[in-house]
Amino acid sequence: MGGLANNGFDCEILKALADDVRIEILETIGLKELNVNEIAQKTSVSRPTVSHHLQILKRADLVSARKDGKETFYSVNTYTLTSISQSLLGFINFGKFQ
């Protein structure tokens, strides 16, 4: 992660989540880890575009990568999503970041 700002949010996570293609990728790998080709087949974007967006998601620690031979399989990092969700809920419920 890029580091928490004073308000408790990692801006890189928020930036990564602010893109429709990246949300589509997260939804696609939310239930099952997939490789780049599988993600491209199940989404509306090309393989190179998927790779580009996966790198952004990895830098924000929103996805995890696992190597299996020559293939890399990607899955959602639920810890990061849970953490950012808790911070958002804290802000909504209490008017401040947790």
Protein backbone atom coordinates (compact mmCIF):
# COMPACT_ATOMS: atom_id res chain seq x y z
CA MET A 1 0.00 0.00 0.00
CA GLY A 2 1.05 3.55 -0.55
CA GLY A 3 0.66 4.57 3.09
CA LEU A 4 -2.21 5.96 5.06
CA ALA A 5 -3.01 9.62 4.80
CA ASN A 6 -3.79 11.64 7.93
CA ASN A 7 -7.47 10.77 7.50
CA GLY A 8 -6.85 7.00 7.74
CA PHE A 9 -7.23 6.26 4.03
CA ASP A 10 -4.67 4.96 1.62
CA CYS A 11 -5.17 7.21 -1.40
CA GLU A 12 -3.71 4.61 -3.77
CA ILE A 13 -6.51 2.22 -2.82
CA LEU A 14 -9.15 4.86 -3.46
CA LYS A 15 -7.58 5.78 -6.80
CA ALA A 16 -7.43 2.12 -7.81
CA LEU A 17 -11.10 1.66 -6.92
CA ALA A 18 -12.11 4.74 -8.93
CA ASP A 19 -12.05 2.93 -12.28
CA ASP A 20 -14.84 0.89 -13.85
CA VAL A 21 -12.46 -1.59 -15.48
CA ARG A 22 -10.68 -2.31 -12.21
CA ILE A 23 -14.01 -2.80 -10.44
CA GLU A 24 -15.02 -5.24 -13.19
CA ILE A 25 -11.75 -7.14 -12.70
CA LEU A 26 -12.26 -7.29 -8.92
CA GLU A 27 -15.80 -8.58 -9.42
CA THR A 28 -14.50 -11.21 -11.85
CA ILE A 29 -11.82 -12.55 -9.51
CA GLY A 30 -13.94 -12.10 -6.40
CA LEU A 31 -15.10 -15.70 -6.29
CA LYS A 32 -12.24 -17.53 -7.99
CA GLU A 33 -8.60 -16.81 -8.71
CA LEU A 34 -7.90 -16.48 -12.42
CA ASN A 35 -4.98 -15.80 -14.73
CA VAL A 36 -4.79 -12.83 -17.10
CA ASN A 37 -6.19 -14.74 -20.08
CA GLU A 38 -9.16 -15.98 -18.07
CA ILE A 39 -9.86 -12.49 -16.74
CA ALA A 40 -9.71 -11.04 -20.27
CA GLN A 41 -12.16 -13.69 -21.52
CA LYS A 42 -14.64 -12.91 -18.73
CA THR A 43 -14.42 -9.11 -18.95
CA SER A 44 -14.85 -6.45 -21.61
CA VAL A 45 -11.13 -5.66 -21.93
CA SER A 46 -8.09 -6.99 -23.77
CA ARG A 47 -5.30 -9.00 -22.21
CA PRO A 48 -2.78 -6.10 -22.23
CA THR A 49 -5.36 -3.82 -20.62
CA VAL A 50 -6.11 -6.43 -17.96
CA SER A 51 -2.38 -6.71 -17.20
CA HIS A 52 -2.07 -2.94 -16.88
CA HIS A 53 -5.00 -2.70 -14.47
CA LEU A 54 -3.82 -5.70 -12.45
CA GLN A 55 -0.51 -3.94 -11.83
CA ILE A 56 -2.36 -0.92 -10.45
CA LEU A 57 -4.50 -3.18 -8.26
CA LYS A 58 -1.38 -5.00 -7.03
CA ARG A 59 0.36 -1.72 -6.13
CA ALA A 60 -2.70 -0.77 -4.09
CA ASP A 61 -2.59 -4.24 -2.47
CA LEU A 62 -6.12 -4.97 -3.68
CA VAL A 63 -5.13 -8.18 -5.43
CA SER A 64 -2.76 -10.99 -4.59
CA ALA A 65 -0.74 -12.90 -7.17
CA ARG A 66 0.25 -16.56 -7.00
CA LYS A 67 2.69 -18.15 -9.44
CA ASP A 68 2.01 -21.66 -10.72
CA GLY A 69 4.65 -22.59 -13.29
CA LYS A 70 4.56 -19.93 -16.00
CA GLU A 71 1.08 -18.72 -15.04
CA THR A 72 0.21 -16.10 -12.45
CA PHE A 73 -3.17 -16.35 -10.79
CA TYR A 74 -4.84 -13.32 -9.25
CA SER A 75 -7.32 -13.11 -6.39
CA VAL A 76 -8.88 -10.33 -4.34
CA ASN A 77 -7.00 -9.31 -1.20
CA THR A 78 -9.97 -9.35 1.16
CA TYR A 79 -7.91 -7.95 4.03
CA THR A 80 -7.32 -4.67 2.18
CA LEU A 81 -10.94 -4.41 1.05
CA THR A 82 -12.16 -5.12 4.57
CA SER A 83 -9.84 -2.48 6.03
CA ILE A 84 -10.93 0.24 3.61
CA SER A 85 -14.59 -0.75 4.10
CA GLN A 86 -14.25 -0.42 7.87
CA SER A 87 -12.67 3.01 7.50
CA LEU A 88 -15.47 4.15 5.20
CA LEU A 89 -18.14 2.82 7.53
CA GLY A 90 -16.48 4.53 10.49
CA PHE A 91 -16.55 7.81 8.64
CA ILE A 92 -20.19 7.38 7.61
CA ASN A 93 -21.33 6.29 11.07
CA PHE A 94 -19.27 8.62 13.22
CA GLY A 95 -18.26 11.46 10.92
CA LYS A 96 -14.56 10.65 11.21
CA PHE A 97 -12.09 8.16 9.89
CA GLN A 98 -11.13 5.23 12.09
